[in-house]
Amino acid sequence: MPVKRPASPPPANAPPLPPDLAALAELFEHLPEVAFFVKDRAGRYQAVNQSLVERVGAGAKAQLLGRTVRDFFPAELAERY
């Protein structure tokens, strides 16, 4: 049960994904039953697929990038994710 909470926009200076990781992210776009994401060391989403976007009730990938699981799920679930 996703929870939409206000969050700051993703940082403008977020580095692009390395080419090999970008290719992997593209692969997961073709697996709609799999939620794919890459997080940085602070737990912020750096890459997500459409499946995860839909699961959290967001309208676009950009709404997840730079944010954390706590921005979308209640604390008791976020701790497990």
N, C-alpha and C. Protein backbone atom coordinates (compact mmCIF):
# COMPACT_ATOMS: atom_id res chain seq x y z
N MET A 1 0.84 -1.16 0.00
CA MET A 1 0.00 0.00 0.00
C MET A 1 0.89 1.24 0.00
N PRO A 2 1.17 1.80 -1.15
CA PRO A 2 2.03 2.97 -1.24
C PRO A 2 1.42 4.19 -0.58
N VAL A 3 2.28 5.01 -0.04
CA VAL A 3 1.87 6.26 0.58
C VAL A 3 2.60 7.37 -0.15
N LYS A 4 1.88 8.32 -0.69
CA LYS A 4 2.52 9.44 -1.37
C LYS A 4 2.81 10.52 -0.35
N ARG A 5 4.07 10.87 -0.26
CA ARG A 5 4.49 11.92 0.66
C ARG A 5 5.26 12.97 -0.11
N PRO A 6 5.19 14.21 0.31
CA PRO A 6 5.97 15.23 -0.37
C PRO A 6 7.46 14.93 -0.22
N ALA A 7 8.19 15.16 -1.26
CA ALA A 7 9.63 14.94 -1.21
C ALA A 7 10.29 15.95 -2.12
N SER A 8 11.56 16.17 -1.85
CA SER A 8 12.28 17.12 -2.69
C SER A 8 12.54 16.49 -4.04
N PRO A 9 12.70 17.33 -5.07
CA PRO A 9 12.97 16.79 -6.39
C PRO A 9 14.35 16.13 -6.43
N PRO A 10 14.58 15.28 -7.41
CA PRO A 10 15.88 14.63 -7.50
C PRO A 10 16.98 15.66 -7.72
N PRO A 11 18.17 15.36 -7.23
CA PRO A 11 19.27 16.31 -7.41
C PRO A 11 19.59 16.49 -8.89
N ALA A 12 19.82 17.71 -9.29
CA ALA A 12 20.10 18.01 -10.69
C ALA A 12 21.45 17.45 -11.12
N ASN A 13 22.35 17.24 -10.18
CA ASN A 13 23.69 16.78 -10.52
C ASN A 13 23.86 15.27 -10.35
N ALA A 14 22.77 14.52 -10.36
CA ALA A 14 22.87 13.07 -10.24
C ALA A 14 23.63 12.53 -11.44
N PRO A 15 24.64 11.69 -11.18
CA PRO A 15 25.43 11.17 -12.30
C PRO A 15 24.62 10.19 -13.14
N PRO A 16 24.90 10.13 -14.43
CA PRO A 16 24.21 9.15 -15.28
C PRO A 16 24.66 7.74 -14.91
N LEU A 17 23.83 6.77 -15.23
CA LEU A 17 24.19 5.38 -14.98
C LEU A 17 25.33 4.98 -15.91
N PRO A 18 26.24 4.13 -15.41
CA PRO A 18 27.27 3.59 -16.30
C PRO A 18 26.60 2.82 -17.44
N PRO A 19 27.22 2.73 -18.60
CA PRO A 19 26.59 2.07 -19.76
C PRO A 19 26.13 0.64 -19.49
N ASP A 20 26.92 -0.14 -18.75
CA ASP A 20 26.50 -1.51 -18.49
C ASP A 20 25.27 -1.57 -17.60
N LEU A 21 25.17 -0.67 -16.64
CA LEU A 21 24.01 -0.62 -15.76
C LEU A 21 22.79 -0.08 -16.51
N ALA A 22 23.02 0.87 -17.39
CA ALA A 22 21.93 1.40 -18.20
C ALA A 22 21.35 0.30 -19.10
N ALA A 23 22.21 -0.55 -19.62
CA ALA A 23 21.74 -1.67 -20.45
C ALA A 23 20.93 -2.65 -19.62
N LEU A 24 21.35 -2.90 -18.39
CA LEU A 24 20.60 -3.78 -17.50
C LEU A 24 19.24 -3.17 -17.17
N ALA A 25 19.21 -1.88 -16.90
CA ALA A 25 17.94 -1.20 -16.62
C ALA A 25 16.99 -1.32 -17.80
N GLU A 26 17.52 -1.19 -19.01
CA GLU A 26 16.69 -1.33 -20.21
C GLU A 26 16.12 -2.73 -20.31
N LEU A 27 16.91 -3.73 -19.98
CA LEU A 27 16.43 -5.12 -20.00
C LEU A 27 15.21 -5.28 -19.09
N PHE A 28 15.25 -4.69 -17.90
CA PHE A 28 14.16 -4.84 -16.95
C PHE A 28 12.89 -4.09 -17.36
N GLU A 29 12.98 -3.22 -18.34
CA GLU A 29 11.77 -2.59 -18.87
C GLU A 29 10.90 -3.62 -19.58
N HIS A 30 11.50 -4.71 -20.01
CA HIS A 30 10.79 -5.74 -20.76
C HIS A 30 10.33 -6.89 -19.86
N LEU A 31 10.45 -6.72 -18.55
CA LEU A 31 9.99 -7.71 -17.58
C LEU A 31 9.00 -7.02 -16.63
N PRO A 32 7.76 -6.83 -17.07
CA PRO A 32 6.81 -6.03 -16.30
C PRO A 32 6.43 -6.63 -14.95
N GLU A 33 6.66 -7.91 -14.74
CA GLU A 33 6.33 -8.51 -13.46
C GLU A 33 7.44 -8.32 -12.41
N VAL A 34 8.55 -7.72 -12.84
CA VAL A 34 9.70 -7.53 -11.95
C VAL A 34 9.89 -6.04 -11.66
N ALA A 35 9.93 -5.70 -10.38
CA ALA A 35 10.25 -4.32 -10.00
C ALA A 35 11.76 -4.19 -9.92
N PHE A 36 12.32 -3.34 -10.73
CA PHE A 36 13.77 -3.14 -10.79
C PHE A 36 14.11 -1.74 -10.34
N PHE A 37 15.20 -1.65 -9.56
CA PHE A 37 15.68 -0.33 -9.14
C PHE A 37 17.15 -0.41 -8.80
N VAL A 38 17.81 0.73 -8.86
CA VAL A 38 19.18 0.90 -8.40
C VAL A 38 19.15 2.06 -7.43
N LYS A 39 19.77 1.86 -6.26
CA LYS A 39 19.84 2.93 -5.26
C LYS A 39 21.29 3.33 -5.03
N ASP A 40 21.49 4.57 -4.61
CA ASP A 40 22.83 4.99 -4.22
C ASP A 40 23.06 4.60 -2.76
N ARG A 41 24.19 4.95 -2.22
CA ARG A 41 24.53 4.56 -0.84
C ARG A 41 23.61 5.16 0.20
N ALA A 42 22.95 6.25 -0.14
CA ALA A 42 22.02 6.90 0.78
C ALA A 42 20.60 6.33 0.64
N GLY A 43 20.43 5.35 -0.24
CA GLY A 43 19.12 4.73 -0.42
C GLY A 43 18.20 5.46 -1.37
N ARG A 44 18.74 6.41 -2.15
CA ARG A 44 17.93 7.15 -3.12
C ARG A 44 17.89 6.39 -4.44
N TYR A 45 16.71 6.33 -5.03
CA TYR A 45 16.56 5.67 -6.32
C TYR A 45 17.37 6.41 -7.38
N GLN A 46 18.20 5.67 -8.12
CA GLN A 46 18.98 6.23 -9.22
C GLN A 46 18.44 5.76 -10.57
N ALA A 47 17.80 4.60 -10.56
CA ALA A 47 17.17 4.05 -11.77
C ALA A 47 16.02 3.17 -11.32
N VAL A 48 14.93 3.21 -12.07
CA VAL A 48 13.76 2.39 -11.77
C VAL A 48 13.12 1.96 -13.09
N ASN A 49 12.35 0.89 -13.04
CA ASN A 49 11.61 0.51 -14.25
C ASN A 49 10.14 0.88 -14.07
N GLN A 50 9.40 0.76 -15.15
CA GLN A 50 7.99 1.17 -15.14
C GLN A 50 7.17 0.35 -14.15
N SER A 51 7.54 -0.91 -13.96
CA SER A 51 6.83 -1.75 -13.00
C SER A 51 6.86 -1.14 -11.60
N LEU A 52 8.03 -0.67 -11.18
CA LEU A 52 8.12 -0.05 -9.84
C LEU A 52 7.32 1.25 -9.80
N VAL A 53 7.39 2.02 -10.87
CA VAL A 53 6.62 3.27 -10.94
C VAL A 53 5.14 2.99 -10.68
N GLU A 54 4.61 1.97 -11.34
CA GLU A 54 3.20 1.63 -11.20
C GLU A 54 2.90 1.07 -9.81
N ARG A 55 3.80 0.29 -9.25
CA ARG A 55 3.57 -0.31 -7.92
C ARG A 55 3.49 0.74 -6.82
N VAL A 56 4.23 1.83 -6.97
CA VAL A 56 4.18 2.87 -5.93
C VAL A 56 3.15 3.94 -6.23
N GLY A 57 2.49 3.83 -7.38
CA GLY A 57 1.44 4.78 -7.71
C GLY A 57 1.95 6.10 -8.24
N ALA A 58 3.17 6.12 -8.75
CA ALA A 58 3.72 7.34 -9.33
C ALA A 58 3.30 7.45 -10.80
N GLY A 59 3.41 8.62 -11.35
CA GLY A 59 3.03 8.82 -12.73
C GLY A 59 4.18 8.69 -13.71
N ALA A 60 5.41 8.83 -13.21
CA ALA A 60 6.58 8.79 -14.08
C ALA A 60 7.81 8.40 -13.28
N LYS A 61 8.81 7.90 -13.98
CA LYS A 61 10.06 7.51 -13.33
C LYS A 61 10.69 8.69 -12.58
N ALA A 62 10.60 9.86 -13.18
CA ALA A 62 11.22 11.05 -12.58
C ALA A 62 10.69 11.33 -11.18
N GLN A 63 9.49 10.88 -10.88
CA GLN A 63 8.91 11.10 -9.55
C GLN A 63 9.58 10.24 -8.48
N LEU A 64 10.29 9.18 -8.87
CA LEU A 64 10.99 8.33 -7.92
C LEU A 64 12.46 8.68 -7.78
N LEU A 65 13.06 9.12 -8.87
CA LEU A 65 14.51 9.37 -8.87
C LEU A 65 14.90 10.41 -7.83
N GLY A 66 15.92 10.06 -7.06
CA GLY A 66 16.40 10.96 -6.02
C GLY A 66 15.66 10.84 -4.70
N ARG A 67 14.64 10.02 -4.67
CA ARG A 67 13.85 9.84 -3.45
C ARG A 67 14.13 8.47 -2.85
N THR A 68 13.61 8.23 -1.66
CA THR A 68 13.84 6.96 -0.98
C THR A 68 12.53 6.21 -0.81
N VAL A 69 12.65 4.97 -0.41
CA VAL A 69 11.47 4.12 -0.17
C VAL A 69 10.54 4.75 0.87
N ARG A 70 11.10 5.51 1.79
CA ARG A 70 10.29 6.16 2.83
C ARG A 70 9.35 7.22 2.26
N ASP A 71 9.65 7.69 1.07
CA ASP A 71 8.78 8.67 0.42
C ASP A 71 7.52 8.03 -0.15
N PHE A 72 7.50 6.71 -0.23
CA PHE A 72 6.39 6.03 -0.89
C PHE A 72 5.67 4.99 -0.05
N PHE A 73 6.29 4.53 1.03
CA PHE A 73 5.70 3.48 1.84
C PHE A 73 5.70 3.87 3.31
N PRO A 74 4.75 3.34 4.09
CA PRO A 74 4.73 3.59 5.53
C PRO A 74 6.03 3.08 6.17
N ALA A 75 6.41 3.68 7.28
CA ALA A 75 7.69 3.36 7.94
C ALA A 75 7.88 1.87 8.20
N GLU A 76 6.82 1.19 8.64
CA GLU A 76 6.98 -0.24 8.96
C GLU A 76 7.30 -1.07 7.72
N LEU A 77 6.81 -0.66 6.55
CA LEU A 77 7.16 -1.36 5.32
C LEU A 77 8.51 -0.88 4.79
N ALA A 78 8.75 0.40 4.86
CA ALA A 78 10.01 0.97 4.36
C ALA A 78 11.22 0.35 5.04
N GLU A 79 11.09 0.04 6.31
CA GLU A 79 12.19 -0.59 7.04
C GLU A 79 12.56 -1.94 6.45
N ARG A 80 11.58 -2.65 5.91
CA ARG A 80 11.82 -3.97 5.33
C ARG A 80 12.36 -3.88 3.91
N TYR A 81 12.07 -2.77 3.23
CA TYR A 81 12.49 -2.63 1.84
C TYR A 81 13.88 -2.06 1.78
